Amino acid sequence: MGDGGKAVSMFRRNGKGVVASFGPDEVKVLRKVASEIVALMTDGFDHTDPVVERLFPDVYPDLPEDAAEFRLYTESDLKSGKIDQAGAILAKLPDEGPGDVRLDGEEAECWLRAINDARLAMGTRLELTGDTDVSDELDDAVLHDPTSSRVFQLSVYAYLGYLQESLLNAMISVDHR
């Protein structure tokens, strides 16, 4: 993202919080990703969707009645939490263009969970597994059609992984004095 398609933002420690500077392309992509998570949790919520299944796995896969009862009592709160987490990204990003994002500990945790949800959703849509080498997938997609939507989606997926790692490392190094 950003300059020449490379990720330019990186979270860094800032007192008890973290900060990152985002380029206009990064802001646009993060806004789109967060908005898609909100839409998935509201308009597009469908238990037969593999992404919904991935984000809301059955707690009791061998006991469908118990799983349904558990879902009845927990799903609404889980959906609200995921919407709030994606909303935390939308609330802190500039409306458009470049800008700095400063997060306190709680906001950083919301961002981390929302980025994770986005990566899980994208990984499911892209049919990635734990064994998938994203760099190899991206190289293969570029060879087949460098202008394909798969190239873009894999690039966003890789960027989100970079951002997630950057945020986690910054959170771990935060001075809690």
N, C-alpha and C. Protein backbone atom coordinates (compact mmCIF):
# COMPACT_ATOMS: atom_id res chain seq x y z
N MET A 1 0.85 -1.16 0.00
CA MET A 1 0.00 0.00 0.00
C MET A 1 0.90 1.23 0.00
N GLY A 2 0.33 2.38 -0.16
CA GLY A 2 1.14 3.59 -0.11
C GLY A 2 2.08 3.69 -1.29
N ASP A 3 3.31 4.10 -1.06
CA ASP A 3 4.28 4.33 -2.11
C ASP A 3 4.66 3.04 -2.82
N GLY A 4 4.40 2.97 -4.12
CA GLY A 4 4.79 1.83 -4.91
C GLY A 4 4.17 0.53 -4.47
N GLY A 5 3.05 0.58 -3.74
CA GLY A 5 2.38 -0.62 -3.30
C GLY A 5 2.96 -1.22 -2.03
N LYS A 6 4.03 -0.66 -1.51
CA LYS A 6 4.64 -1.20 -0.30
C LYS A 6 3.96 -0.61 0.93
N ALA A 7 3.90 -1.39 1.97
CA ALA A 7 3.34 -0.90 3.23
C ALA A 7 4.28 0.13 3.81
N VAL A 8 3.75 1.28 4.16
CA VAL A 8 4.59 2.34 4.71
C VAL A 8 4.27 2.62 6.17
N SER A 9 3.09 2.25 6.62
CA SER A 9 2.77 2.53 8.02
C SER A 9 3.35 1.45 8.91
N MET A 10 3.70 1.87 10.08
CA MET A 10 4.16 0.92 11.08
C MET A 10 3.84 1.51 12.44
N PHE A 11 3.20 0.72 13.27
CA PHE A 11 2.92 1.20 14.60
C PHE A 11 4.20 1.26 15.41
N ARG A 12 4.26 2.27 16.26
CA ARG A 12 5.40 2.41 17.15
C ARG A 12 4.88 2.90 18.50
N ARG A 13 5.68 2.65 19.47
CA ARG A 13 5.34 3.03 20.84
C ARG A 13 5.27 4.55 20.98
N ASN A 14 4.32 4.99 21.79
CA ASN A 14 4.17 6.42 22.06
C ASN A 14 3.63 6.54 23.49
N GLY A 15 4.53 6.56 24.47
CA GLY A 15 4.10 6.61 25.86
C GLY A 15 3.35 5.35 26.23
N LYS A 16 2.11 5.49 26.69
CA LYS A 16 1.30 4.33 27.05
C LYS A 16 0.47 3.82 25.87
N GLY A 17 0.61 4.46 24.73
CA GLY A 17 -0.14 4.06 23.56
C GLY A 17 0.76 3.75 22.38
N VAL A 18 0.13 3.68 21.21
CA VAL A 18 0.86 3.43 19.97
C VAL A 18 0.40 4.44 18.93
N VAL A 19 1.24 4.66 17.93
CA VAL A 19 0.92 5.61 16.87
C VAL A 19 1.44 5.06 15.55
N ALA A 20 0.74 5.40 14.47
CA ALA A 20 1.18 5.05 13.12
C ALA A 20 0.74 6.16 12.17
N SER A 21 1.53 6.36 11.13
CA SER A 21 1.17 7.31 10.08
C SER A 21 0.71 6.52 8.87
N PHE A 22 -0.45 6.85 8.35
CA PHE A 22 -1.02 6.14 7.22
C PHE A 22 -1.07 7.02 5.98
N GLY A 23 -0.73 6.43 4.84
CA GLY A 23 -0.85 7.11 3.57
C GLY A 23 -2.29 7.05 3.09
N PRO A 24 -2.63 7.83 2.07
CA PRO A 24 -4.02 7.87 1.59
C PRO A 24 -4.54 6.51 1.10
N ASP A 25 -3.69 5.73 0.43
CA ASP A 25 -4.14 4.41 -0.03
C ASP A 25 -4.41 3.48 1.13
N GLU A 26 -3.59 3.57 2.16
CA GLU A 26 -3.79 2.73 3.34
C GLU A 26 -5.09 3.10 4.05
N VAL A 27 -5.35 4.39 4.18
CA VAL A 27 -6.60 4.84 4.80
C VAL A 27 -7.79 4.30 4.02
N LYS A 28 -7.73 4.41 2.70
CA LYS A 28 -8.82 3.94 1.84
C LYS A 28 -9.05 2.43 2.02
N VAL A 29 -7.96 1.66 2.00
CA VAL A 29 -8.07 0.21 2.14
C VAL A 29 -8.60 -0.18 3.52
N LEU A 30 -8.06 0.43 4.57
CA LEU A 30 -8.51 0.09 5.92
C LEU A 30 -9.97 0.48 6.14
N ARG A 31 -10.38 1.62 5.59
CA ARG A 31 -11.80 2.01 5.69
C ARG A 31 -12.69 0.99 4.99
N LYS A 32 -12.26 0.54 3.82
CA LYS A 32 -13.05 -0.43 3.07
C LYS A 32 -13.14 -1.76 3.81
N VAL A 33 -12.01 -2.24 4.31
CA VAL A 33 -11.97 -3.51 5.03
C VAL A 33 -12.85 -3.44 6.28
N ALA A 34 -12.72 -2.39 7.07
CA ALA A 34 -13.53 -2.25 8.29
C ALA A 34 -15.01 -2.14 7.95
N SER A 35 -15.33 -1.40 6.91
CA SER A 35 -16.74 -1.26 6.49
C SER A 35 -17.31 -2.59 6.03
N GLU A 36 -16.49 -3.41 5.37
CA GLU A 36 -16.96 -4.72 4.92
C GLU A 36 -17.24 -5.65 6.10
N ILE A 37 -16.45 -5.54 7.15
CA ILE A 37 -16.71 -6.36 8.35
C ILE A 37 -18.04 -5.93 8.98
N VAL A 38 -18.26 -4.62 9.08
CA VAL A 38 -19.53 -4.12 9.63
C VAL A 38 -20.70 -4.63 8.78
N ALA A 39 -20.57 -4.54 7.46
CA ALA A 39 -21.64 -5.00 6.57
C ALA A 39 -21.88 -6.51 6.72
N LEU A 40 -20.81 -7.26 6.86
CA LEU A 40 -20.94 -8.71 7.03
C LEU A 40 -21.70 -9.04 8.32
N MET A 41 -21.47 -8.25 9.36
CA MET A 41 -22.12 -8.50 10.65
C MET A 41 -23.58 -8.02 10.67
N THR A 42 -23.94 -7.19 9.70
CA THR A 42 -25.30 -6.64 9.70
C THR A 42 -26.07 -7.15 8.48
N ASP A 43 -25.91 -6.49 7.34
CA ASP A 43 -26.67 -6.82 6.13
C ASP A 43 -26.42 -8.23 5.63
N GLY A 44 -25.17 -8.65 5.66
CA GLY A 44 -24.81 -9.91 5.02
C GLY A 44 -24.67 -11.08 5.96
N PHE A 45 -25.19 -10.99 7.17
CA PHE A 45 -24.98 -12.06 8.15
C PHE A 45 -25.78 -13.29 7.75
N ASP A 46 -25.06 -14.34 7.39
CA ASP A 46 -25.68 -15.56 6.89
C ASP A 46 -24.85 -16.74 7.40
N HIS A 47 -25.47 -17.59 8.20
CA HIS A 47 -24.74 -18.71 8.80
C HIS A 47 -24.19 -19.70 7.79
N THR A 48 -24.69 -19.67 6.56
CA THR A 48 -24.17 -20.59 5.55
C THR A 48 -22.95 -20.02 4.84
N ASP A 49 -22.65 -18.75 5.08
CA ASP A 49 -21.47 -18.12 4.49
C ASP A 49 -20.23 -18.67 5.19
N PRO A 50 -19.25 -19.19 4.44
CA PRO A 50 -18.04 -19.73 5.07
C PRO A 50 -17.29 -18.72 5.94
N VAL A 51 -17.38 -17.43 5.60
CA VAL A 51 -16.72 -16.41 6.41
C VAL A 51 -17.41 -16.30 7.77
N VAL A 52 -18.73 -16.30 7.77
CA VAL A 52 -19.47 -16.24 9.04
C VAL A 52 -19.15 -17.49 9.87
N GLU A 53 -19.10 -18.64 9.20
CA GLU A 53 -18.75 -19.87 9.91
C GLU A 53 -17.35 -19.77 10.52
N ARG A 54 -16.42 -19.12 9.82
CA ARG A 54 -15.04 -18.98 10.31
C ARG A 54 -14.97 -18.01 11.50
N LEU A 55 -15.74 -16.92 11.41
CA LEU A 55 -15.72 -15.92 12.48
C LEU A 55 -16.56 -16.34 13.69
N PHE A 56 -17.51 -17.23 13.48
CA PHE A 56 -18.39 -17.71 14.54
C PHE A 56 -18.45 -19.24 14.50
N PRO A 57 -17.33 -19.89 14.80
CA PRO A 57 -17.33 -21.36 14.74
C PRO A 57 -18.23 -21.95 15.80
N ASP A 58 -18.79 -23.12 15.49
CA ASP A 58 -19.60 -23.83 16.47
C ASP A 58 -18.74 -24.23 17.65
N VAL A 59 -19.21 -23.92 18.83
CA VAL A 59 -18.49 -24.27 20.05
C VAL A 59 -18.60 -25.78 20.30
N TYR A 60 -19.73 -26.34 19.89
CA TYR A 60 -19.97 -27.77 20.07
C TYR A 60 -20.27 -28.39 18.70
N PRO A 61 -19.24 -28.60 17.88
CA PRO A 61 -19.48 -29.08 16.51
C PRO A 61 -20.17 -30.44 16.44
N ASP A 62 -19.98 -31.28 17.45
CA ASP A 62 -20.61 -32.61 17.43
C ASP A 62 -21.99 -32.63 18.09
N LEU A 63 -22.40 -31.49 18.65
CA LEU A 63 -23.69 -31.39 19.32
C LEU A 63 -24.47 -30.20 18.76
N PRO A 64 -25.10 -30.37 17.60
CA PRO A 64 -25.76 -29.23 16.93
C PRO A 64 -26.81 -28.51 17.77
N GLU A 65 -27.56 -29.23 18.59
CA GLU A 65 -28.57 -28.57 19.42
C GLU A 65 -27.92 -27.69 20.48
N ASP A 66 -26.85 -28.20 21.10
CA ASP A 66 -26.12 -27.41 22.11
C ASP A 66 -25.45 -26.20 21.45
N ALA A 67 -24.91 -26.40 20.26
CA ALA A 67 -24.26 -25.31 19.53
C ALA A 67 -25.28 -24.21 19.21
N ALA A 68 -26.47 -24.62 18.77
CA ALA A 68 -27.52 -23.65 18.44
C ALA A 68 -27.96 -22.88 19.67
N GLU A 69 -28.09 -23.58 20.80
CA GLU A 69 -28.49 -22.90 22.04
C GLU A 69 -27.41 -21.91 22.49
N PHE A 70 -26.16 -22.33 22.43
CA PHE A 70 -25.05 -21.44 22.80
C PHE A 70 -25.05 -20.20 21.91
N ARG A 71 -25.24 -20.42 20.60
CA ARG A 71 -25.28 -19.31 19.64
C ARG A 71 -26.42 -18.35 19.97
N LEU A 72 -27.56 -18.89 20.35
CA LEU A 72 -28.73 -18.07 20.69
C LEU A 72 -28.40 -17.06 21.78
N TYR A 73 -27.61 -17.49 22.77
CA TYR A 73 -27.31 -16.63 23.91
C TYR A 73 -26.06 -15.75 23.74
N THR A 74 -25.21 -16.07 22.79
CA THR A 74 -23.94 -15.34 22.69
C THR A 74 -23.75 -14.57 21.39
N GLU A 75 -24.42 -14.99 20.34
CA GLU A 75 -24.13 -14.44 19.02
C GLU A 75 -24.36 -12.94 18.92
N SER A 76 -25.42 -12.44 19.50
CA SER A 76 -25.71 -11.01 19.41
C SER A 76 -24.58 -10.17 20.00
N ASP A 77 -24.11 -10.58 21.17
CA ASP A 77 -23.00 -9.85 21.81
C ASP A 77 -21.71 -9.96 21.00
N LEU A 78 -21.44 -11.15 20.45
CA LEU A 78 -20.24 -11.33 19.64
C LEU A 78 -20.29 -10.46 18.38
N LYS A 79 -21.45 -10.43 17.74
CA LYS A 79 -21.61 -9.57 16.55
C LYS A 79 -21.41 -8.11 16.92
N SER A 80 -22.03 -7.67 18.00
CA SER A 80 -21.88 -6.27 18.44
C SER A 80 -20.42 -5.95 18.71
N GLY A 81 -19.71 -6.88 19.34
CA GLY A 81 -18.30 -6.67 19.61
C GLY A 81 -17.49 -6.51 18.34
N LYS A 82 -17.76 -7.34 17.35
CA LYS A 82 -17.03 -7.27 16.08
C LYS A 82 -17.35 -5.97 15.34
N ILE A 83 -18.60 -5.54 15.42
CA ILE A 83 -19.00 -4.26 14.80
C ILE A 83 -18.28 -3.11 15.51
N ASP A 84 -18.26 -3.14 16.83
CA ASP A 84 -17.58 -2.08 17.60
C ASP A 84 -16.08 -2.04 17.29
N GLN A 85 -15.47 -3.21 17.17
CA GLN A 85 -14.04 -3.27 16.87
C GLN A 85 -13.73 -2.68 15.49
N ALA A 86 -14.52 -3.05 14.50
CA ALA A 86 -14.33 -2.48 13.16
C ALA A 86 -14.63 -0.97 13.21
N GLY A 87 -15.63 -0.60 14.00
CA GLY A 87 -15.96 0.82 14.16
C GLY A 87 -14.83 1.60 14.79
N ALA A 88 -14.04 0.95 15.66
CA ALA A 88 -12.89 1.62 16.27
C ALA A 88 -11.86 2.01 15.22
N ILE A 89 -11.71 1.17 14.21
CA ILE A 89 -10.80 1.51 13.10
C ILE A 89 -11.35 2.71 12.34
N LEU A 90 -12.63 2.64 12.00
CA LEU A 90 -13.26 3.73 11.24
C LEU A 90 -13.22 5.05 12.02
N ALA A 91 -13.39 4.97 13.34
CA ALA A 91 -13.42 6.19 14.16
C ALA A 91 -12.06 6.88 14.24
N LYS A 92 -10.98 6.12 14.19
CA LYS A 92 -9.65 6.69 14.37
C LYS A 92 -8.96 7.08 13.07
N LEU A 93 -9.37 6.49 11.96
CA LEU A 93 -8.73 6.82 10.68
C LEU A 93 -9.16 8.20 10.20
N PRO A 94 -8.29 8.88 9.47
CA PRO A 94 -8.74 10.12 8.82
C PRO A 94 -9.87 9.78 7.84
N ASP A 95 -10.73 10.76 7.56
CA ASP A 95 -11.82 10.52 6.61
C ASP A 95 -11.27 10.15 5.24
N GLU A 96 -10.21 10.81 4.86
CA GLU A 96 -9.51 10.51 3.60
C GLU A 96 -8.14 11.14 3.67
N GLY A 97 -7.29 10.76 2.77
CA GLY A 97 -5.94 11.31 2.77
C GLY A 97 -5.08 10.72 3.86
N PRO A 98 -3.86 11.21 3.96
CA PRO A 98 -2.92 10.67 4.96
C PRO A 98 -3.25 11.19 6.35
N GLY A 99 -2.67 10.52 7.35
CA GLY A 99 -2.85 11.01 8.71
C GLY A 99 -2.27 10.06 9.73
N ASP A 100 -2.09 10.59 10.93
CA ASP A 100 -1.59 9.81 12.05
C ASP A 100 -2.76 9.23 12.82
N VAL A 101 -2.55 8.04 13.36
CA VAL A 101 -3.53 7.39 14.22
C VAL A 101 -2.84 7.11 15.54
N ARG A 102 -3.44 7.61 16.62
CA ARG A 102 -2.93 7.38 17.97
C ARG A 102 -3.95 6.53 18.71
N LEU A 103 -3.46 5.43 19.30
CA LEU A 103 -4.36 4.51 19.99
C LEU A 103 -3.89 4.29 21.42
N ASP A 104 -4.86 4.32 22.36
CA ASP A 104 -4.52 3.91 23.72
C ASP A 104 -4.59 2.38 23.75
N GLY A 105 -4.33 1.79 24.90
CA GLY A 105 -4.29 0.33 25.00
C GLY A 105 -5.57 -0.35 24.58
N GLU A 106 -6.72 0.16 25.04
CA GLU A 106 -8.01 -0.45 24.70
C GLU A 106 -8.30 -0.33 23.21
N GLU A 107 -8.03 0.84 22.64
CA GLU A 107 -8.25 1.04 21.20
C GLU A 107 -7.35 0.12 20.38
N ALA A 108 -6.10 -0.03 20.81
CA ALA A 108 -5.17 -0.90 20.11
C ALA A 108 -5.66 -2.34 20.12
N GLU A 109 -6.21 -2.79 21.25
CA GLU A 109 -6.75 -4.15 21.32
C GLU A 109 -7.93 -4.32 20.37
N CYS A 110 -8.79 -3.30 20.28
CA CYS A 110 -9.92 -3.35 19.34
C CYS A 110 -9.41 -3.44 17.90
N TRP A 111 -8.42 -2.63 17.58
CA TRP A 111 -7.83 -2.66 16.24
C TRP A 111 -7.26 -4.04 15.95
N LEU A 112 -6.54 -4.60 16.92
CA LEU A 112 -5.91 -5.90 16.72
C LEU A 112 -6.96 -6.97 16.43
N ARG A 113 -8.05 -6.97 17.19
CA ARG A 113 -9.12 -7.96 16.97
C ARG A 113 -9.81 -7.72 15.63
N ALA A 114 -10.03 -6.47 15.26
CA ALA A 114 -10.69 -6.17 13.99
C ALA A 114 -9.81 -6.57 12.80
N ILE A 115 -8.52 -6.30 12.90
CA ILE A 115 -7.60 -6.71 11.82
C ILE A 115 -7.58 -8.22 11.72
N ASN A 116 -7.58 -8.90 12.85
CA ASN A 116 -7.62 -10.36 12.84
C ASN A 116 -8.89 -10.87 12.16
N ASP A 117 -10.04 -10.29 12.50
CA ASP A 117 -11.30 -10.67 11.85
C ASP A 117 -11.22 -10.46 10.35
N ALA A 118 -10.67 -9.33 9.93
CA ALA A 118 -10.56 -9.03 8.50
C ALA A 118 -9.67 -10.06 7.80
N ARG A 119 -8.56 -10.41 8.45
CA ARG A 119 -7.66 -11.41 7.86
C ARG A 119 -8.33 -12.78 7.78
N LEU A 120 -9.05 -13.16 8.83
CA LEU A 120 -9.77 -14.43 8.80
C LEU A 120 -10.80 -14.45 7.67
N ALA A 121 -11.53 -13.34 7.53
CA ALA A 121 -12.54 -13.24 6.47
C ALA A 121 -11.89 -13.32 5.09
N MET A 122 -10.84 -12.54 4.90
CA MET A 122 -10.16 -12.54 3.59
C MET A 122 -9.52 -13.89 3.31
N GLY A 123 -8.87 -14.48 4.31
CA GLY A 123 -8.24 -15.77 4.12
C GLY A 123 -9.25 -16.84 3.72
N THR A 124 -10.44 -16.78 4.32
CA THR A 124 -11.50 -17.72 3.97
C THR A 124 -11.95 -17.51 2.54
N ARG A 125 -12.20 -16.25 2.17
CA ARG A 125 -12.64 -15.95 0.80
C ARG A 125 -11.58 -16.35 -0.23
N LEU A 126 -10.31 -16.17 0.13
CA LEU A 126 -9.21 -16.49 -0.79
C LEU A 126 -8.82 -17.97 -0.73
N GLU A 127 -9.50 -18.73 0.14
CA GLU A 127 -9.25 -20.16 0.32
C GLU A 127 -7.80 -20.44 0.75
N LEU A 128 -7.31 -19.59 1.66
CA LEU A 128 -5.97 -19.78 2.21
C LEU A 128 -6.08 -20.71 3.41
N THR A 129 -5.05 -21.49 3.64
CA THR A 129 -5.01 -22.38 4.80
C THR A 129 -3.77 -22.04 5.62
N GLY A 130 -3.60 -22.71 6.72
CA GLY A 130 -2.42 -22.50 7.55
C GLY A 130 -1.13 -22.87 6.84
N ASP A 131 -1.24 -23.72 5.83
CA ASP A 131 -0.06 -24.16 5.07
C ASP A 131 0.26 -23.24 3.90
N THR A 132 -0.63 -22.30 3.60
CA THR A 132 -0.44 -21.43 2.44
C THR A 132 0.70 -20.45 2.67
N ASP A 133 1.58 -20.38 1.71
CA ASP A 133 2.63 -19.36 1.71
C ASP A 133 2.09 -18.19 0.90
N VAL A 134 1.74 -17.11 1.59
CA VAL A 134 1.08 -15.98 0.93
C VAL A 134 1.98 -15.37 -0.14
N SER A 135 3.29 -15.33 0.10
CA SER A 135 4.21 -14.79 -0.91
C SER A 135 4.17 -15.63 -2.18
N ASP A 136 4.16 -16.95 -2.04
CA ASP A 136 4.07 -17.83 -3.21
C ASP A 136 2.74 -17.64 -3.93
N GLU A 137 1.65 -17.55 -3.14
CA GLU A 137 0.32 -17.32 -3.73
C GLU A 137 0.29 -16.03 -4.53
N LEU A 138 0.88 -14.99 -3.95
CA LEU A 138 0.91 -13.68 -4.61
C LEU A 138 1.75 -13.75 -5.88
N ASP A 139 2.92 -14.37 -5.80
CA ASP A 139 3.76 -14.52 -7.00
C ASP A 139 3.03 -15.27 -8.09
N ASP A 140 2.33 -16.34 -7.72
CA ASP A 140 1.58 -17.14 -8.69
C ASP A 140 0.45 -16.31 -9.31
N ALA A 141 -0.26 -15.57 -8.48
CA ALA A 141 -1.36 -14.74 -8.98
C ALA A 141 -0.85 -13.66 -9.93
N VAL A 142 0.29 -13.06 -9.60
CA VAL A 142 0.87 -12.03 -10.47
C VAL A 142 1.26 -12.64 -11.81
N LEU A 143 1.83 -13.84 -11.81
CA LEU A 143 2.21 -14.51 -13.06
C LEU A 143 1.00 -14.79 -13.93
N HIS A 144 -0.11 -15.19 -13.31
CA HIS A 144 -1.31 -15.50 -14.08
C HIS A 144 -2.00 -14.26 -14.62
N ASP A 145 -2.13 -13.24 -13.79
CA ASP A 145 -2.77 -11.98 -14.21
C ASP A 145 -2.47 -10.90 -13.19
N PRO A 146 -1.47 -10.07 -13.48
CA PRO A 146 -1.06 -9.06 -12.50
C PRO A 146 -2.14 -8.03 -12.16
N THR A 147 -3.17 -7.94 -13.00
CA THR A 147 -4.23 -6.96 -12.74
C THR A 147 -5.46 -7.60 -12.10
N SER A 148 -5.36 -8.86 -11.72
CA SER A 148 -6.54 -9.56 -11.19
C SER A 148 -6.91 -9.05 -9.80
N SER A 149 -8.16 -9.28 -9.44
CA SER A 149 -8.61 -8.89 -8.11
C SER A 149 -7.92 -9.77 -7.05
N ARG A 150 -7.53 -10.98 -7.42
CA ARG A 150 -6.84 -11.87 -6.47
C ARG A 150 -5.51 -11.27 -6.05
N VAL A 151 -4.79 -10.66 -6.99
CA VAL A 151 -3.51 -10.01 -6.67
C VAL A 151 -3.75 -8.91 -5.65
N PHE A 152 -4.76 -8.09 -5.90
CA PHE A 152 -5.08 -7.00 -4.97
C PHE A 152 -5.47 -7.55 -3.60
N GLN A 153 -6.35 -8.56 -3.59
CA GLN A 153 -6.83 -9.12 -2.32
C GLN A 153 -5.69 -9.77 -1.54
N LEU A 154 -4.82 -10.50 -2.21
CA LEU A 154 -3.67 -11.10 -1.53
C LEU A 154 -2.74 -10.03 -0.99
N SER A 155 -2.59 -8.94 -1.74
CA SER A 155 -1.75 -7.82 -1.28
C SER A 155 -2.34 -7.19 -0.03
N VAL A 156 -3.65 -7.00 -0.01
CA VAL A 156 -4.32 -6.44 1.18
C VAL A 156 -4.18 -7.41 2.35
N TYR A 157 -4.36 -8.69 2.09
CA TYR A 157 -4.21 -9.70 3.14
C TYR A 157 -2.80 -9.64 3.74
N ALA A 158 -1.79 -9.58 2.89
CA ALA A 158 -0.40 -9.50 3.35
C ALA A 158 -0.17 -8.20 4.13
N TYR A 159 -0.73 -7.10 3.64
CA TYR A 159 -0.60 -5.82 4.33
C TYR A 159 -1.22 -5.88 5.72
N LEU A 160 -2.39 -6.48 5.82
CA LEU A 160 -3.06 -6.59 7.12
C LEU A 160 -2.23 -7.43 8.08
N GLY A 161 -1.57 -8.46 7.57
CA GLY A 161 -0.68 -9.26 8.40
C GLY A 161 0.49 -8.44 8.91
N TYR A 162 1.06 -7.65 8.03
CA TYR A 162 2.16 -6.76 8.40
C TYR A 162 1.69 -5.77 9.47
N LEU A 163 0.51 -5.17 9.24
CA LEU A 163 -0.03 -4.18 10.17
C LEU A 163 -0.34 -4.82 11.53
N GLN A 164 -0.91 -6.01 11.49
CA GLN A 164 -1.23 -6.73 12.73
C GLN A 164 0.04 -7.01 13.53
N GLU A 165 1.08 -7.48 12.86
CA GLU A 165 2.35 -7.77 13.54
C GLU A 165 2.97 -6.49 14.09
N SER A 166 2.91 -5.43 13.32
CA SER A 166 3.45 -4.14 13.75
C SER A 166 2.72 -3.63 14.99
N LEU A 167 1.40 -3.73 14.98
CA LEU A 167 0.59 -3.28 16.11
C LEU A 167 0.88 -4.13 17.35
N LEU A 168 0.91 -5.43 17.16
CA LEU A 168 1.18 -6.31 18.30
C LEU A 168 2.55 -6.04 18.90
N ASN A 169 3.57 -5.88 18.07
CA ASN A 169 4.91 -5.58 18.57
C ASN A 169 4.95 -4.25 19.30
N ALA A 170 4.25 -3.25 18.79
CA ALA A 170 4.21 -1.95 19.45
C ALA A 170 3.47 -2.05 20.78
N MET A 171 2.40 -2.83 20.84
CA MET A 171 1.65 -2.99 22.08
C MET A 171 2.50 -3.69 23.13
N ILE A 172 3.25 -4.67 22.73
CA ILE A 172 4.09 -5.40 23.66
C ILE A 172 5.19 -4.51 24.24
N SER A 173 5.67 -3.57 23.42
CA SER A 173 6.77 -2.73 23.87
C SER A 173 6.32 -1.46 24.57
N VAL A 174 5.01 -1.26 24.73
CA VAL A 174 4.49 -0.04 25.36
C VAL A 174 4.95 0.05 26.82
N ASP A 175 5.37 1.22 27.19
CA ASP A 175 5.79 1.50 28.56
C ASP A 175 4.53 1.67 29.41
N HIS A 176 4.33 0.81 30.39
CA HIS A 176 3.11 0.85 31.22
C HIS A 176 3.29 1.64 32.52
N ARG A 177 4.26 2.52 32.55
CA ARG A 177 4.48 3.31 33.78
C ARG A 177 3.30 4.18 34.10
